[in-house]
C-alpha atoms as a PDB file:
ATOM      1  CA  UNK A   1       0.000   0.000   0.000  1.00  0.00           C
ATOM      2  CA  UNK A   2       1.384   3.354  -1.075  1.00  0.00           C
ATOM      3  CA  UNK A   3       1.723   5.766   1.846  1.00  0.00           C
ATOM      4  CA  UNK A   4       3.483   8.911   3.045  1.00  0.00           C
ATOM      5  CA  UNK A   5       4.430   7.646   6.487  1.00  0.00           C
ATOM      6  CA  UNK A   6       8.185   7.948   5.917  1.00  0.00           C
ATOM      7  CA  UNK A   7       7.842  11.574   4.772  1.00  0.00           C
ATOM      8  CA  UNK A   8       5.658  12.527   7.728  1.00  0.00           C
ATOM      9  CA  UNK A   9       7.991  10.724  10.135  1.00  0.00           C
ATOM     10  CA  UNK A  10      11.097  12.446   8.783  1.00  0.00           C
ATOM     11  CA  UNK A  11       9.362  15.823   8.755  1.00  0.00           C
ATOM     12  CA  UNK A  12       8.551  15.293  12.452  1.00  0.00           C
ATOM     13  CA  UNK A  13      12.191  14.287  13.032  1.00  0.00           C
ATOM     14  CA  UNK A  14      11.195  10.932  14.540  1.00  0.00           C
ATOM     15  CA  UNK A  15      12.810   7.541  14.187  1.00  0.00           C
ATOM     16  CA  UNK A  16      10.860   4.436  13.255  1.00  0.00           C
ATOM     17  CA  UNK A  17      11.351   3.239  16.800  1.00  0.00           C
ATOM     18  CA  UNK A  18       9.947   6.460  18.282  1.00  0.00           C
ATOM     19  CA  UNK A  19       6.864   6.270  16.068  1.00  0.00           C
ATOM     20  CA  UNK A  20       6.393   2.625  16.998  1.00  0.00           C
ATOM     21  CA  UNK A  21       6.538   3.435  20.717  1.00  0.00           C
ATOM     22  CA  UNK A  22       4.011   6.254  20.359  1.00  0.00           C
ATOM     23  CA  UNK A  23       1.437   4.046  18.628  1.00  0.00           C
ATOM     24  CA  UNK A  24       2.264   0.898  20.624  1.00  0.00           C
ATOM     25  CA  UNK A  25       3.590  -1.378  17.854  1.00  0.00           C
ATOM     26  CA  UNK A  26       6.995  -2.801  16.988  1.00  0.00           C
ATOM     27  CA  UNK A  27       9.569  -0.989  14.883  1.00  0.00           C
ATOM     28  CA  UNK A  28       9.229  -3.821  12.374  1.00  0.00           C
ATOM     29  CA  UNK A  29       5.581  -2.886  11.875  1.00  0.00           C
ATOM     30  CA  UNK A  30       6.491   0.718  11.059  1.00  0.00           C
ATOM     31  CA  UNK A  31       9.250  -0.448   8.698  1.00  0.00           C
ATOM     32  CA  UNK A  32       6.825  -2.780   6.914  1.00  0.00           C
ATOM     33  CA  UNK A  33       4.189  -0.063   6.566  1.00  0.00           C
ATOM     34  CA  UNK A  34       6.740   2.388   5.170  1.00  0.00           C
ATOM     35  CA  UNK A  35       7.856  -0.202   2.602  1.00  0.00           C
ATOM     36  CA  UNK A  36       4.253  -0.846   1.600  1.00  0.00           C
ATOM     37  CA  UNK A  37       4.484  -4.467   2.708  1.00  0.00           C
ATOM     38  CA  UNK A  38       1.850  -4.240   5.437  1.00  0.00           C
ATOM     39  CA  UNK A  39      -1.632  -2.723   5.533  1.00  0.00           C
ATOM     40  CA  UNK A  40      -2.326  -1.378   9.011  1.00  0.00           C
ATOM     41  CA  UNK A  41      -5.592  -1.916  10.841  1.00  0.00           C
ATOM     42  CA  UNK A  42      -8.025   0.972  10.866  1.00  0.00           C
ATOM     43  CA  UNK A  43      -7.134   1.680  14.497  1.00  0.00           C
ATOM     44  CA  UNK A  44      -3.390   1.793  13.767  1.00  0.00           C
ATOM     45  CA  UNK A  45      -3.961   3.977  10.698  1.00  0.00           C
ATOM     46  CA  UNK A  46      -6.006   6.342  12.874  1.00  0.00           C
ATOM     47  CA  UNK A  47      -3.294   6.457  15.561  1.00  0.00           C
ATOM     48  CA  UNK A  48      -0.636   7.248  12.951  1.00  0.00           C
ATOM     49  CA  UNK A  49      -2.744   9.930  11.289  1.00  0.00           C
ATOM     50  CA  UNK A  50      -3.474  11.494  14.671  1.00  0.00           C
ATOM     51  CA  UNK A  51       0.212  11.419  15.615  1.00  0.00           C
ATOM     52  CA  UNK A  52       1.082  13.374  12.469  1.00  0.00           C
ATOM     53  CA  UNK A  53      -1.947  15.702  12.613  1.00  0.00           C
ATOM     54  CA  UNK A  54      -3.345  14.558   9.292  1.00  0.00           C
ATOM     55  CA  UNK A  55      -6.117  12.285   8.095  1.00  0.00           C
ATOM     56  CA  UNK A  56      -5.960   8.623   7.115  1.00  0.00           C
ATOM     57  CA  UNK A  57      -6.803   9.350   3.481  1.00  0.00           C
ATOM     58  CA  UNK A  58      -3.826  11.679   3.097  1.00  0.00           C
ATOM     59  CA  UNK A  59      -1.337   9.602   5.066  1.00  0.00           C
ATOM     60  CA  UNK A  60      -2.130   6.409   3.178  1.00  0.00           C
ATOM     61  CA  UNK A  61      -2.882   7.915  -0.273  1.00  0.00           C
ATOM     62  CA  UNK A  62      -6.188   6.065  -0.363  1.00  0.00           C
ATOM     63  CA  UNK A  63      -7.363   7.612  -3.634  1.00  0.00           C
ATOM     64  CA  UNK A  64      -4.317   6.144  -5.403  1.00  0.00           C
ATOM     65  CA  UNK A  65      -4.926   2.762  -3.781  1.00  0.00           C
ATOM     66  CA  UNK A  66      -8.589   2.699  -4.831  1.00  0.00           C
ATOM     67  CA  UNK A  67      -7.684   3.577  -8.438  1.00  0.00           C
ATOM     68  CA  UNK A  68      -5.016   0.865  -8.565  1.00  0.00           C
ATOM     69  CA  UNK A  69      -7.506  -1.666  -7.207  1.00  0.00           C
ATOM     70  CA  UNK A  70     -10.014  -0.695  -9.930  1.00  0.00           C
ATOM     71  CA  UNK A  71      -7.338  -1.156 -12.595  1.00  0.00           C
ATOM     72  CA  UNK A  72      -6.503  -4.637 -11.248  1.00  0.00           C
ATOM     73  CA  UNK A  73     -10.154  -5.697 -11.479  1.00  0.00           C
ATOM     74  CA  UNK A  74     -10.317  -4.583 -15.118  1.00  0.00           C
ATOM     75  CA  UNK A  75      -7.419  -6.817 -16.068  1.00  0.00           C
END
């Protein structure tokens, strides 16, 4: 899943470990989300969006994800 977590984290001058501690997950979870290898639960997405003072749609580029999913179904 395409997301902007890394950009928001770096802008806030936080490490992956610091973000993980603040939302009560492991650093590995944050790494996997940043790499697009893991789709967070709605609750985790909300916690991350709240931490960075943004909304879930913006943080996780949901419009792009929905469009890509539509394209996959057409194929």
